[in-house]
Amino acid sequence: MIRAHLLQHRLLDIESLRIGGGHTAIIGPNGSGKTTFLKLCAGIERPAQGDLTLSGRAPRDVTVGWVGEVPDNNFVFRTVADEVASGLWFQRRPAETIESTVERALSETGTTHLRARSTHTLSGGEKVLVACAAAIALSPEVLILDETDTHLDRKAADTLETVIQGRPAPAILQCTQDMDTASRADRVVYFEDGRPRYIGTPEEVFCYLQETEMYPPLWRIAACI
């Protein structure tokens, strides 16, 4: 359970917000505070005022898997295998556990063939999937994806969705500009001007957005058939 109470930070001004487990899509116009909220949830930033907890704990006390829009900003190691293993090294996991966990994470994200590649030679989509592999290798309590689908082709996007649907974490927060992707989440949170204006199931939230560009295109097409 993610809880925010009297939270203020930059643009954000959240009186009260509760998000349960499962897959939550975070949507809203550019500049509405989505990425700032996700960075607070990941513990990358700390709130200026108010409280934000994940399962009753501060974000920095929770194992969080973070995949940002620009994975290059997070890559530290030269090869894909080392990058995926890096978080496990920092956790001082046994060598045999690290090896098997890395192989599983690469397999789940369809990146096993990239194991020996240099991270600097990967395409944008490959970098996203490798960053996702590194995140899920940690067995995170919360997996946070910040517009990671922006750089993916259809095949890579389908792979990422398969990973998400496989529930690699008890809670997944996914910021996306793809409303069809958002419509398949368990719940949707719509941000506007730094506040969560609507929260609920996709059907509940998109009901308020039918006359906007935020309405899922596939839903619009289906309504016309």
Protein backbone atom coordinates (compact mmCIF):
# COMPACT_ATOMS: atom_id res chain seq x y z
CA MET A 1 0.00 0.00 0.00
CA ILE A 2 1.35 3.41 -1.04
CA ARG A 3 0.07 6.25 1.10
CA ALA A 4 0.58 9.98 0.73
CA HIS A 5 -0.69 12.46 3.31
CA LEU A 6 -0.42 16.26 3.10
CA LEU A 7 2.37 15.72 0.58
CA GLN A 8 3.95 18.79 -0.98
CA HIS A 9 6.98 18.72 -3.25
CA ARG A 10 7.65 20.96 -6.22
CA LEU A 11 4.39 20.99 -8.18
CA LEU A 12 2.83 18.21 -6.12
CA ASP A 13 0.14 19.06 -3.60
CA ILE A 14 -1.55 15.85 -2.46
CA GLU A 15 -3.89 15.96 0.51
CA SER A 16 -4.49 12.21 0.62
CA LEU A 17 -3.78 9.31 -1.73
CA ARG A 18 -3.83 5.54 -1.28
CA ILE A 19 -2.71 3.05 -3.92
CA GLY A 20 -2.98 -0.69 -3.31
CA GLY A 21 -1.05 -3.57 -4.82
CA GLY A 22 -1.23 -4.78 -8.38
CA HIS A 23 -0.63 -2.76 -11.55
CA THR A 24 -1.35 0.97 -11.38
CA ALA A 25 -1.08 3.21 -14.44
CA ILE A 26 -0.09 6.83 -13.76
CA ILE A 27 -1.34 9.17 -16.50
CA GLY A 28 -1.87 12.86 -17.10
CA PRO A 29 -0.67 15.81 -19.18
CA ASN A 30 3.02 16.69 -19.40
CA GLY A 31 4.11 18.69 -16.39
CA SER A 32 1.35 17.37 -14.14
CA GLY A 33 3.73 15.93 -11.54
CA LYS A 34 3.77 12.26 -12.55
CA THR A 35 7.54 11.76 -12.66
CA THR A 36 8.04 13.77 -9.49
CA PHE A 37 5.55 11.52 -7.70
CA LEU A 38 7.31 8.39 -8.96
CA LYS A 39 10.72 9.68 -7.86
CA LEU A 40 9.34 10.24 -4.38
CA CYS A 41 7.94 6.70 -4.36
CA ALA A 42 11.34 5.37 -5.44
CA GLY A 43 13.18 7.31 -2.75
CA ILE A 44 15.18 9.21 -5.37
CA GLU A 45 13.83 12.43 -3.88
CA ARG A 46 12.41 13.21 -0.45
CA PRO A 47 9.24 15.24 0.04
CA ALA A 48 9.56 18.86 1.08
CA GLN A 49 6.53 18.44 3.34
CA GLY A 50 4.15 15.68 4.36
CA ASP A 51 4.43 11.92 4.42
CA LEU A 52 4.83 9.23 1.80
CA THR A 53 5.11 5.57 2.81
CA LEU A 54 5.28 2.22 1.06
CA SER A 55 3.79 -0.54 3.19
CA GLY A 56 4.18 1.71 6.21
CA ARG A 57 7.87 2.40 5.58
CA ALA A 58 9.90 5.19 4.06
CA PRO A 59 10.62 4.51 0.35
CA ARG A 60 14.36 4.22 1.03
CA ASP A 61 13.65 1.34 3.42
CA VAL A 62 11.80 -0.61 0.73
CA THR A 63 13.29 -2.63 -2.14
CA VAL A 64 12.22 -0.63 -5.19
CA GLY A 65 12.98 -1.45 -8.81
CA TRP A 66 13.28 1.77 -10.83
CA VAL A 67 13.34 2.03 -14.62
CA GLY A 68 13.48 5.60 -15.88
CA GLU A 69 12.64 6.93 -19.32
CA VAL A 70 16.37 7.27 -20.14
CA PRO A 71 18.09 4.05 -18.93
CA ASP A 72 21.54 5.44 -19.83
CA ASN A 73 21.20 7.63 -16.76
CA ASN A 74 21.17 4.51 -14.58
CA PHE A 75 23.70 2.26 -16.32
CA VAL A 76 26.98 1.89 -14.43
CA PHE A 77 28.61 -1.28 -15.72
CA ARG A 78 29.97 -2.13 -19.16
CA THR A 79 28.24 -5.40 -19.98
CA VAL A 80 24.58 -6.32 -19.82
CA ALA A 81 25.19 -9.26 -17.46
CA ASP A 82 27.14 -7.07 -15.02
CA GLU A 83 24.50 -4.36 -15.13
CA VAL A 84 21.70 -6.80 -14.33
CA ALA A 85 23.80 -8.32 -11.52
CA SER A 86 24.90 -4.99 -10.02
CA GLY A 87 22.04 -4.54 -7.57
CA LEU A 88 22.53 -8.10 -6.30
CA TRP A 89 26.22 -7.44 -5.74
CA PHE A 90 25.38 -4.41 -3.63
CA GLN A 91 23.02 -6.63 -1.62
CA ARG A 92 25.90 -9.09 -1.10
CA ARG A 93 23.98 -12.06 -2.50
CA PRO A 94 25.85 -15.39 -2.91
CA ALA A 95 27.55 -15.81 -6.29
CA GLU A 96 25.47 -18.83 -7.29
CA THR A 97 22.26 -16.99 -6.43
CA ILE A 98 23.35 -13.99 -8.48
CA GLU A 99 24.08 -16.12 -11.54
CA SER A 100 20.72 -17.89 -11.50
CA THR A 101 18.80 -14.68 -10.76
CA VAL A 102 20.48 -12.82 -13.61
CA GLU A 103 19.67 -15.63 -16.03
CA ARG A 104 16.03 -15.63 -14.93
CA ALA A 105 15.70 -11.85 -15.26
CA LEU A 106 17.28 -11.89 -18.73
CA SER A 107 14.98 -14.70 -19.80
CA GLU A 108 11.85 -12.96 -18.51
CA THR A 109 12.68 -9.78 -20.42
CA GLY A 110 13.74 -11.56 -23.61
CA THR A 111 17.31 -10.24 -23.37
CA THR A 112 19.31 -13.43 -22.84
CA HIS A 113 20.95 -12.97 -26.25
CA LEU A 114 22.30 -9.61 -25.08
CA ARG A 115 24.10 -11.05 -22.05
CA ALA A 116 27.65 -10.33 -23.23
CA ARG A 117 26.89 -7.10 -25.09
CA SER A 118 28.20 -3.72 -24.01
CA THR A 119 25.41 -1.57 -22.62
CA HIS A 120 26.64 1.30 -24.81
CA THR A 121 25.91 -0.62 -28.01
CA LEU A 122 22.27 -1.37 -27.23
CA SER A 123 19.34 0.23 -29.00
CA GLY A 124 16.93 2.39 -27.01
CA GLY A 125 14.43 -0.43 -26.65
CA GLU A 126 17.11 -2.95 -25.65
CA LYS A 127 18.36 -0.57 -22.97
CA VAL A 128 14.88 -0.30 -21.50
CA LEU A 129 14.46 -4.08 -21.36
CA VAL A 130 17.90 -4.55 -19.79
CA ALA A 131 17.14 -1.87 -17.20
CA CYS A 132 13.89 -3.70 -16.50
CA ALA A 133 15.81 -6.96 -16.07
CA ALA A 134 18.12 -5.27 -13.56
CA ALA A 135 15.11 -3.96 -11.67
CA ILE A 136 13.20 -7.24 -11.43
CA ALA A 137 16.37 -9.14 -10.51
CA LEU A 138 16.12 -7.41 -7.13
CA SER A 139 12.72 -9.03 -6.46
CA PRO A 140 11.39 -5.55 -5.66
CA GLU A 141 8.39 -4.90 -3.46
CA VAL A 142 7.52 -2.04 -5.81
CA LEU A 143 8.47 -1.84 -9.49
CA ILE A 144 8.35 1.68 -10.94
CA LEU A 145 8.38 2.30 -14.71
CA ASP A 146 8.54 5.94 -15.81
CA GLU A 147 7.41 6.17 -19.44
CA THR A 148 9.68 3.26 -20.32
CA ASP A 149 7.42 2.24 -23.21
CA THR A 150 8.23 5.46 -25.08
CA HIS A 151 11.31 3.93 -26.76
CA LEU A 152 9.94 0.45 -27.45
CA ASP A 153 8.87 -1.07 -30.74
CA ARG A 154 5.77 -3.29 -30.74
CA LYS A 155 7.68 -6.50 -30.01
CA ALA A 156 9.61 -5.00 -27.09
CA ALA A 157 6.45 -3.33 -25.76
CA ASP A 158 4.67 -6.70 -25.83
CA THR A 159 7.59 -8.26 -23.94
CA LEU A 160 7.42 -5.54 -21.29
CA GLU A 161 3.67 -6.02 -20.93
CA THR A 162 4.16 -9.76 -20.50
CA VAL A 163 6.65 -9.05 -17.71
CA ILE A 164 4.18 -6.71 -16.02
CA GLN A 165 1.28 -9.12 -16.34
CA GLY A 166 3.52 -11.81 -14.83
CA ARG A 167 3.58 -9.68 -11.67
CA PRO A 168 7.35 -9.34 -11.00
CA ALA A 169 6.48 -7.24 -7.92
CA PRO A 170 3.55 -7.00 -5.49
CA ALA A 171 2.99 -3.42 -6.68
CA ILE A 172 3.79 -1.88 -10.06
CA LEU A 173 3.55 1.83 -10.85
CA GLN A 174 3.73 2.54 -14.58
CA CYS A 175 3.68 6.05 -15.97
CA THR A 176 2.68 5.86 -19.62
CA GLN A 177 1.45 8.03 -22.47
CA ASP A 178 -0.12 4.98 -24.13
CA MET A 179 -3.73 4.98 -22.97
CA ASP A 180 -4.37 1.50 -24.38
CA THR A 181 -1.62 0.25 -22.08
CA ALA A 182 -3.10 2.21 -19.17
CA SER A 183 -6.53 0.71 -19.85
CA ARG A 184 -5.17 -2.76 -19.09
CA ALA A 185 -3.94 -1.84 -15.60
CA ASP A 186 -5.79 -2.79 -12.42
CA ARG A 187 -6.28 0.87 -11.59
CA VAL A 188 -5.49 4.28 -13.05
CA VAL A 189 -4.43 7.50 -11.35
CA TYR A 190 -4.91 10.66 -13.42
CA PHE A 191 -2.71 13.58 -12.38
CA GLU A 192 -3.49 17.19 -13.22
CA ASP A 193 -1.70 20.29 -11.90
CA GLY A 194 0.18 18.30 -9.29
CA ARG A 195 -2.87 16.56 -7.86
CA PRO A 196 -4.41 13.11 -8.39
CA ARG A 197 -7.73 14.24 -9.86
CA TYR A 198 -9.18 10.79 -10.63
CA ILE A 199 -8.34 7.37 -9.22
CA GLY A 200 -10.13 4.08 -9.80
CA THR A 201 -10.49 1.25 -12.28
CA PRO A 202 -9.78 2.08 -15.94
CA GLU A 203 -13.54 2.14 -16.60
CA GLU A 204 -14.12 4.61 -13.77
CA VAL A 205 -11.27 6.98 -14.64
CA PHE A 206 -11.63 6.98 -18.43
CA CYS A 207 -15.33 7.71 -18.05
CA TYR A 208 -14.26 11.25 -17.11
CA LEU A 209 -11.83 11.48 -20.02
CA GLN A 210 -14.02 10.43 -22.96
CA GLU A 211 -13.88 13.83 -24.64
CA THR A 212 -10.10 14.20 -24.26
CA GLU A 213 -7.03 12.81 -26.00
CA MET A 214 -6.48 10.70 -22.88
CA TYR A 215 -9.23 8.24 -23.85
CA PRO A 216 -7.88 4.84 -25.03
CA PRO A 217 -7.93 4.73 -28.86
CA LEU A 218 -8.94 1.07 -28.92
CA TRP A 219 -11.91 1.83 -26.69
CA ARG A 220 -12.95 4.64 -29.04
CA ILE A 221 -12.71 2.35 -32.04
CA ALA A 222 -14.67 -0.41 -30.29
CA ALA A 223 -17.45 2.03 -29.47
CA CYS A 224 -17.88 2.78 -33.17
CA ILE A 225 -18.19 -0.84 -34.27
